[in-house]
Amino acid sequence: MSKVKFNAAQTVGKFENEEGETKYNYLSLGVVLENEEGHLSLKLNALPLPNQKGEVWINLYPIK
């Protein structure tokens, strides 16, 4: 049985809140699963788009 270890997301924009702090907008892309043997797999529910440099960065956030 696989266990969800991380959420996968892409930063798609940023903005300043009312206090002048920079905040970021994220697009949820999928999850990272770990199987019984410790192998990790990335399951995408959406395809990420490349940035201005043609790069694709996916951020992994631990499940809380």
PDB file of N, CA and C in Angstrom:
ATOM      1  N   MET A   1       0.845  -1.176   0.000  1.00  0.00           N
ATOM      2  CA  MET A   1       0.000   0.000   0.000  1.00  0.00           C
ATOM      3  C   MET A   1       0.890   1.238   0.000  1.00  0.00           C
ATOM      4  N   SER A   2       0.699   2.117  -0.965  1.00  0.00           N
ATOM      5  CA  SER A   2       1.478   3.352  -1.067  1.00  0.00           C
ATOM      6  C   SER A   2       0.928   4.403  -0.117  1.00  0.00           C
ATOM      7  N   LYS A   3       1.829   5.257   0.349  1.00  0.00           N
ATOM      8  CA  LYS A   3       1.467   6.322   1.277  1.00  0.00           C
ATOM      9  C   LYS A   3       1.836   7.664   0.655  1.00  0.00           C
ATOM     10  N   VAL A   4       0.921   8.630   0.729  1.00  0.00           N
ATOM     11  CA  VAL A   4       1.190   9.975   0.212  1.00  0.00           C
ATOM     12  C   VAL A   4       2.170  10.662   1.159  1.00  0.00           C
ATOM     13  N   LYS A   5       3.319  11.107   0.617  1.00  0.00           N
ATOM     14  CA  LYS A   5       4.365  11.746   1.414  1.00  0.00           C
ATOM     15  C   LYS A   5       4.441  13.256   1.223  1.00  0.00           C
ATOM     16  N   PHE A   6       4.182  13.725  -0.020  1.00  0.00           N
ATOM     17  CA  PHE A   6       4.313  15.144  -0.331  1.00  0.00           C
ATOM     18  C   PHE A   6       3.203  15.587  -1.278  1.00  0.00           C
ATOM     19  N   ASN A   7       2.835  16.861  -1.178  1.00  0.00           N
ATOM     20  CA  ASN A   7       2.023  17.513  -2.195  1.00  0.00           C
ATOM     21  C   ASN A   7       2.994  18.134  -3.200  1.00  0.00           C
ATOM     22  N   ALA A   8       2.664  18.086  -4.474  1.00  0.00           N
ATOM     23  CA  ALA A   8       3.487  18.688  -5.520  1.00  0.00           C
ATOM     24  C   ALA A   8       2.763  19.926  -6.050  1.00  0.00           C
ATOM     25  N   ALA A   9       3.473  21.043  -6.106  1.00  0.00           N
ATOM     26  CA  ALA A   9       2.858  22.304  -6.543  1.00  0.00           C
ATOM     27  C   ALA A   9       3.859  23.119  -7.336  1.00  0.00           C
ATOM     28  N   GLN A  10       3.335  24.030  -8.138  1.00  0.00           N
ATOM     29  CA  GLN A  10       4.164  24.937  -8.922  1.00  0.00           C
ATOM     30  C   GLN A  10       3.806  26.367  -8.540  1.00  0.00           C
ATOM     31  N   THR A  11       4.820  27.220  -8.342  1.00  0.00           N
ATOM     32  CA  THR A  11       4.583  28.636  -8.092  1.00  0.00           C
ATOM     33  C   THR A  11       4.172  29.285  -9.408  1.00  0.00           C
ATOM     34  N   VAL A  12       3.013  29.940  -9.416  1.00  0.00           N
ATOM     35  CA  VAL A  12       2.500  30.518 -10.664  1.00  0.00           C
ATOM     36  C   VAL A  12       2.387  32.040 -10.615  1.00  0.00           C
ATOM     37  N   GLY A  13       2.695  32.650  -9.488  1.00  0.00           N
ATOM     38  CA  GLY A  13       2.633  34.100  -9.404  1.00  0.00           C
ATOM     39  C   GLY A  13       2.968  34.573  -8.003  1.00  0.00           C
ATOM     40  N   LYS A  14       3.099  35.886  -7.841  1.00  0.00           N
ATOM     41  CA  LYS A  14       3.332  36.455  -6.521  1.00  0.00           C
ATOM     42  C   LYS A  14       2.617  37.792  -6.414  1.00  0.00           C
ATOM     43  N   PHE A  15       2.396  38.210  -5.173  1.00  0.00           N
ATOM     44  CA  PHE A  15       1.693  39.463  -4.916  1.00  0.00           C
ATOM     45  C   PHE A  15       2.121  39.983  -3.552  1.00  0.00           C
ATOM     46  N   GLU A  16       1.775  41.221  -3.259  1.00  0.00           N
ATOM     47  CA  GLU A  16       2.032  41.798  -1.942  1.00  0.00           C
ATOM     48  C   GLU A  16       0.718  41.893  -1.200  1.00  0.00           C
ATOM     49  N   ASN A  17       0.723  41.463   0.074  1.00  0.00           N
ATOM     50  CA  ASN A  17      -0.495  41.564   0.869  1.00  0.00           C
ATOM     51  C   ASN A  17      -0.611  42.974   1.439  1.00  0.00           C
ATOM     52  N   GLU A  18      -1.636  43.204   2.263  1.00  0.00           N
ATOM     53  CA  GLU A  18      -1.891  44.546   2.816  1.00  0.00           C
ATOM     54  C   GLU A  18      -0.771  45.040   3.718  1.00  0.00           C
ATOM     55  N   GLU A  19       0.008  44.104   4.287  1.00  0.00           N
ATOM     56  CA  GLU A  19       1.138  44.479   5.147  1.00  0.00           C
ATOM     57  C   GLU A  19       2.421  44.683   4.351  1.00  0.00           C
ATOM     58  N   GLY A  20       2.377  44.546   3.027  1.00  0.00           N
ATOM     59  CA  GLY A  20       3.555  44.731   2.181  1.00  0.00           C
ATOM     60  C   GLY A  20       4.431  43.500   2.065  1.00  0.00           C
ATOM     61  N   GLU A  21       3.958  42.351   2.576  1.00  0.00           N
ATOM     62  CA  GLU A  21       4.725  41.112   2.487  1.00  0.00           C
ATOM     63  C   GLU A  21       4.500  40.449   1.135  1.00  0.00           C
ATOM     64  N   THR A  22       5.558  39.865   0.584  1.00  0.00           N
ATOM     65  CA  THR A  22       5.434  39.133  -0.670  1.00  0.00           C
ATOM     66  C   THR A  22       4.863  37.753  -0.391  1.00  0.00           C
ATOM     67  N   LYS A  23       3.793  37.414  -1.090  1.00  0.00           N
ATOM     68  CA  LYS A  23       3.139  36.105  -0.982  1.00  0.00           C
ATOM     69  C   LYS A  23       3.121  35.473  -2.371  1.00  0.00           C
ATOM     70  N   TYR A  24       2.956  34.154  -2.420  1.00  0.00           N
ATOM     71  CA  TYR A  24       3.013  33.430  -3.680  1.00  0.00           C
ATOM     72  C   TYR A  24       1.726  32.664  -3.938  1.00  0.00           C
ATOM     73  N   ASN A  25       1.370  32.529  -5.207  1.00  0.00           N
ATOM     74  CA  ASN A  25       0.242  31.695  -5.629  1.00  0.00           C
ATOM     75  C   ASN A  25       0.800  30.372  -6.126  1.00  0.00           C
ATOM     76  N   TYR A  26       0.152  29.281  -5.732  1.00  0.00           N
ATOM     77  CA  TYR A  26       0.609  27.945  -6.107  1.00  0.00           C
ATOM     78  C   TYR A  26      -0.497  27.199  -6.849  1.00  0.00           C
ATOM     79  N   LEU A  27      -0.090  26.371  -7.795  1.00  0.00           N
ATOM     80  CA  LEU A  27      -0.995  25.486  -8.515  1.00  0.00           C
ATOM     81  C   LEU A  27      -0.684  24.066  -8.066  1.00  0.00           C
ATOM     82  N   SER A  28      -1.679  23.380  -7.508  1.00  0.00           N
ATOM     83  CA  SER A  28      -1.494  21.996  -7.084  1.00  0.00           C
ATOM     84  C   SER A  28      -1.382  21.116  -8.322  1.00  0.00           C
ATOM     85  N   LEU A  29      -0.303  20.312  -8.390  1.00  0.00           N
ATOM     86  CA  LEU A  29      -0.050  19.466  -9.561  1.00  0.00           C
ATOM     87  C   LEU A  29      -0.291  17.985  -9.293  1.00  0.00           C
ATOM     88  N   GLY A  30      -0.155  17.548  -8.048  1.00  0.00           N
ATOM     89  CA  GLY A  30      -0.317  16.130  -7.732  1.00  0.00           C
ATOM     90  C   GLY A  30       0.307  15.788  -6.395  1.00  0.00           C
ATOM     91  N   VAL A  31       0.761  14.537  -6.263  1.00  0.00           N
ATOM     92  CA  VAL A  31       1.328  14.054  -5.003  1.00  0.00           C
ATOM     93  C   VAL A  31       2.526  13.146  -5.266  1.00  0.00           C
ATOM     94  N   VAL A  32       3.360  12.998  -4.240  1.00  0.00           N
ATOM     95  CA  VAL A  32       4.455  12.034  -4.256  1.00  0.00           C
ATOM     96  C   VAL A  32       4.058  10.899  -3.319  1.00  0.00           C
ATOM     97  N   LEU A  33       4.147   9.670  -3.837  1.00  0.00           N
ATOM     98  CA  LEU A  33       3.781   8.479  -3.077  1.00  0.00           C
ATOM     99  C   LEU A  33       5.027   7.666  -2.757  1.00  0.00           C
ATOM    100  N   GLU A  34       5.023   7.013  -1.594  1.00  0.00           N
ATOM    101  CA  GLU A  34       6.100   6.103  -1.220  1.00  0.00           C
ATOM    102  C   GLU A  34       5.511   4.702  -1.078  1.00  0.00           C
ATOM    103  N   ASN A  35       6.132   3.701  -1.749  1.00  0.00           N
ATOM    104  CA  ASN A  35       5.617   2.332  -1.642  1.00  0.00           C
ATOM    105  C   ASN A  35       6.285   1.605  -0.474  1.00  0.00           C
ATOM    106  N   GLU A  36       5.931   0.345  -0.298  1.00  0.00           N
ATOM    107  CA  GLU A  36       6.422  -0.453   0.828  1.00  0.00           C
ATOM    108  C   GLU A  36       7.946  -0.601   0.828  1.00  0.00           C
ATOM    109  N   GLU A  37       8.565  -0.509  -0.352  1.00  0.00           N
ATOM    110  CA  GLU A  37      10.014  -0.667  -0.476  1.00  0.00           C
ATOM    111  C   GLU A  37      10.765   0.652  -0.345  1.00  0.00           C
ATOM    112  N   GLY A  38      10.038   1.759  -0.124  1.00  0.00           N
ATOM    113  CA  GLY A  38      10.663   3.066   0.036  1.00  0.00           C
ATOM    114  C   GLY A  38      10.865   3.828  -1.257  1.00  0.00           C
ATOM    115  N   HIS A  39      10.381   3.304  -2.381  1.00  0.00           N
ATOM    116  CA  HIS A  39      10.523   3.984  -3.664  1.00  0.00           C
ATOM    117  C   HIS A  39       9.482   5.103  -3.762  1.00  0.00           C
ATOM    118  N   LEU A  40       9.902   6.226  -4.327  1.00  0.00           N
ATOM    119  CA  LEU A  40       9.018   7.375  -4.480  1.00  0.00           C
ATOM    120  C   LEU A  40       8.523   7.469  -5.919  1.00  0.00           C
ATOM    121  N   SER A  41       7.253   7.861  -6.065  1.00  0.00           N
ATOM    122  CA  SER A  41       6.648   8.078  -7.383  1.00  0.00           C
ATOM    123  C   SER A  41       5.894   9.394  -7.362  1.00  0.00           C
ATOM    124  N   LEU A  42       5.961  10.120  -8.474  1.00  0.00           N
ATOM    125  CA  LEU A  42       5.237  11.383  -8.621  1.00  0.00           C
ATOM    126  C   LEU A  42       4.007  11.144  -9.483  1.00  0.00           C
ATOM    127  N   LYS A  43       2.819  11.414  -8.941  1.00  0.00           N
ATOM    128  CA  LYS A  43       1.566  11.282  -9.689  1.00  0.00           C
ATOM    129  C   LYS A  43       1.064  12.686  -9.989  1.00  0.00           C
ATOM    130  N   LEU A  44       1.062  13.051 -11.273  1.00  0.00           N
ATOM    131  CA  LEU A  44       0.610  14.374 -11.691  1.00  0.00           C
ATOM    132  C   LEU A  44      -0.866  14.337 -12.074  1.00  0.00           C
ATOM    133  N   ASN A  45      -1.622  15.312 -11.558  1.00  0.00           N
ATOM    134  CA  ASN A  45      -3.020  15.497 -11.931  1.00  0.00           C
ATOM    135  C   ASN A  45      -3.168  16.646 -12.919  1.00  0.00           C
ATOM    136  N   ALA A  46      -2.101  17.427 -13.083  1.00  0.00           N
ATOM    137  CA  ALA A  46      -2.068  18.552 -14.021  1.00  0.00           C
ATOM    138  C   ALA A  46      -0.637  18.660 -14.538  1.00  0.00           C
ATOM    139  N   LEU A  47      -0.477  19.170 -15.737  1.00  0.00           N
ATOM    140  CA  LEU A  47       0.860  19.336 -16.312  1.00  0.00           C
ATOM    141  C   LEU A  47       1.380  20.734 -16.027  1.00  0.00           C
ATOM    142  N   PRO A  48       2.616  20.843 -15.526  1.00  0.00           N
ATOM    143  CA  PRO A  48       3.190  22.160 -15.262  1.00  0.00           C
ATOM    144  C   PRO A  48       3.600  22.850 -16.560  1.00  0.00           C
ATOM    145  N   LEU A  49       3.595  24.159 -16.527  1.00  0.00           N
ATOM    146  CA  LEU A  49       4.042  24.955 -17.669  1.00  0.00           C
ATOM    147  C   LEU A  49       5.450  25.476 -17.404  1.00  0.00           C
ATOM    148  N   PRO A  50       6.277  25.573 -18.437  1.00  0.00           N
ATOM    149  CA  PRO A  50       7.633  26.107 -18.239  1.00  0.00           C
ATOM    150  C   PRO A  50       7.605  27.606 -17.939  1.00  0.00           C
ATOM    151  N   ASN A  51       8.637  28.075 -17.218  1.00  0.00           N
ATOM    152  CA  ASN A  51       8.758  29.507 -16.936  1.00  0.00           C
ATOM    153  C   ASN A  51       9.361  30.224 -18.148  1.00  0.00           C
ATOM    154  N   GLN A  52       9.749  31.486 -17.976  1.00  0.00           N
ATOM    155  CA  GLN A  52      10.293  32.291 -19.075  1.00  0.00           C
ATOM    156  C   GLN A  52      11.595  31.725 -19.622  1.00  0.00           C
ATOM    157  N   LYS A  53      12.323  30.944 -18.823  1.00  0.00           N
ATOM    158  CA  LYS A  53      13.592  30.340 -19.252  1.00  0.00           C
ATOM    159  C   LYS A  53      13.393  28.944 -19.841  1.00  0.00           C
ATOM    160  N   GLY A  54      12.140  28.480 -19.902  1.00  0.00           N
ATOM    161  CA  GLY A  54      11.865  27.150 -20.411  1.00  0.00           C
ATOM    162  C   GLY A  54      12.033  26.050 -19.370  1.00  0.00           C
ATOM    163  N   GLU A  55      12.197  26.439 -18.104  1.00  0.00           N
ATOM    164  CA  GLU A  55      12.391  25.476 -17.020  1.00  0.00           C
ATOM    165  C   GLU A  55      11.058  25.141 -16.353  1.00  0.00           C
ATOM    166  N   VAL A  56      10.980  23.939 -15.811  1.00  0.00           N
ATOM    167  CA  VAL A  56       9.821  23.539 -15.012  1.00  0.00           C
ATOM    168  C   VAL A  56      10.323  23.180 -13.620  1.00  0.00           C
ATOM    169  N   TRP A  57       9.810  23.877 -12.613  1.00  0.00           N
ATOM    170  CA  TRP A  57      10.168  23.617 -11.222  1.00  0.00           C
ATOM    171  C   TRP A  57       8.917  23.153 -10.490  1.00  0.00           C
ATOM    172  N   ILE A  58       9.039  22.036  -9.770  1.00  0.00           N
ATOM    173  CA  ILE A  58       7.938  21.529  -8.969  1.00  0.00           C
ATOM    174  C   ILE A  58       8.392  21.526  -7.511  1.00  0.00           C
ATOM    175  N   ASN A  59       7.605  22.163  -6.654  1.00  0.00           N
ATOM    176  CA  ASN A  59       7.899  22.225  -5.219  1.00  0.00           C
ATOM    177  C   ASN A  59       7.194  21.080  -4.507  1.00  0.00           C
ATOM    178  N   LEU A  60       7.885  20.452  -3.550  1.00  0.00           N
ATOM    179  CA  LEU A  60       7.308  19.371  -2.764  1.00  0.00           C
ATOM    180  C   LEU A  60       7.114  19.844  -1.334  1.00  0.00           C
ATOM    181  N   TYR A  61       5.898  19.683  -0.817  1.00  0.00           N
ATOM    182  CA  TYR A  61       5.563  20.093   0.520  1.00  0.00           C
ATOM    183  C   TYR A  61       5.090  18.902   1.332  1.00  0.00           C
ATOM    184  N   PRO A  62       5.690  18.648   2.514  1.00  0.00           N
ATOM    185  CA  PRO A  62       5.272  17.511   3.324  1.00  0.00           C
ATOM    186  C   PRO A  62       3.786  17.565   3.662  1.00  0.00           C
ATOM    187  N   ILE A  63       3.171  16.401   3.752  1.00  0.00           N
ATOM    188  CA  ILE A  63       1.774  16.305   4.148  1.00  0.00           C
ATOM    189  C   ILE A  63       1.698  16.642   5.637  1.00  0.00           C
ATOM    190  N   LYS A  64       0.749  17.482   6.004  1.00  0.00           N
ATOM    191  CA  LYS A  64       0.595  17.874   7.426  1.00  0.00           C
ATOM    192  C   LYS A  64      -0.490  17.056   8.065  1.00  0.00           C
TER     193      LYS A  64
END
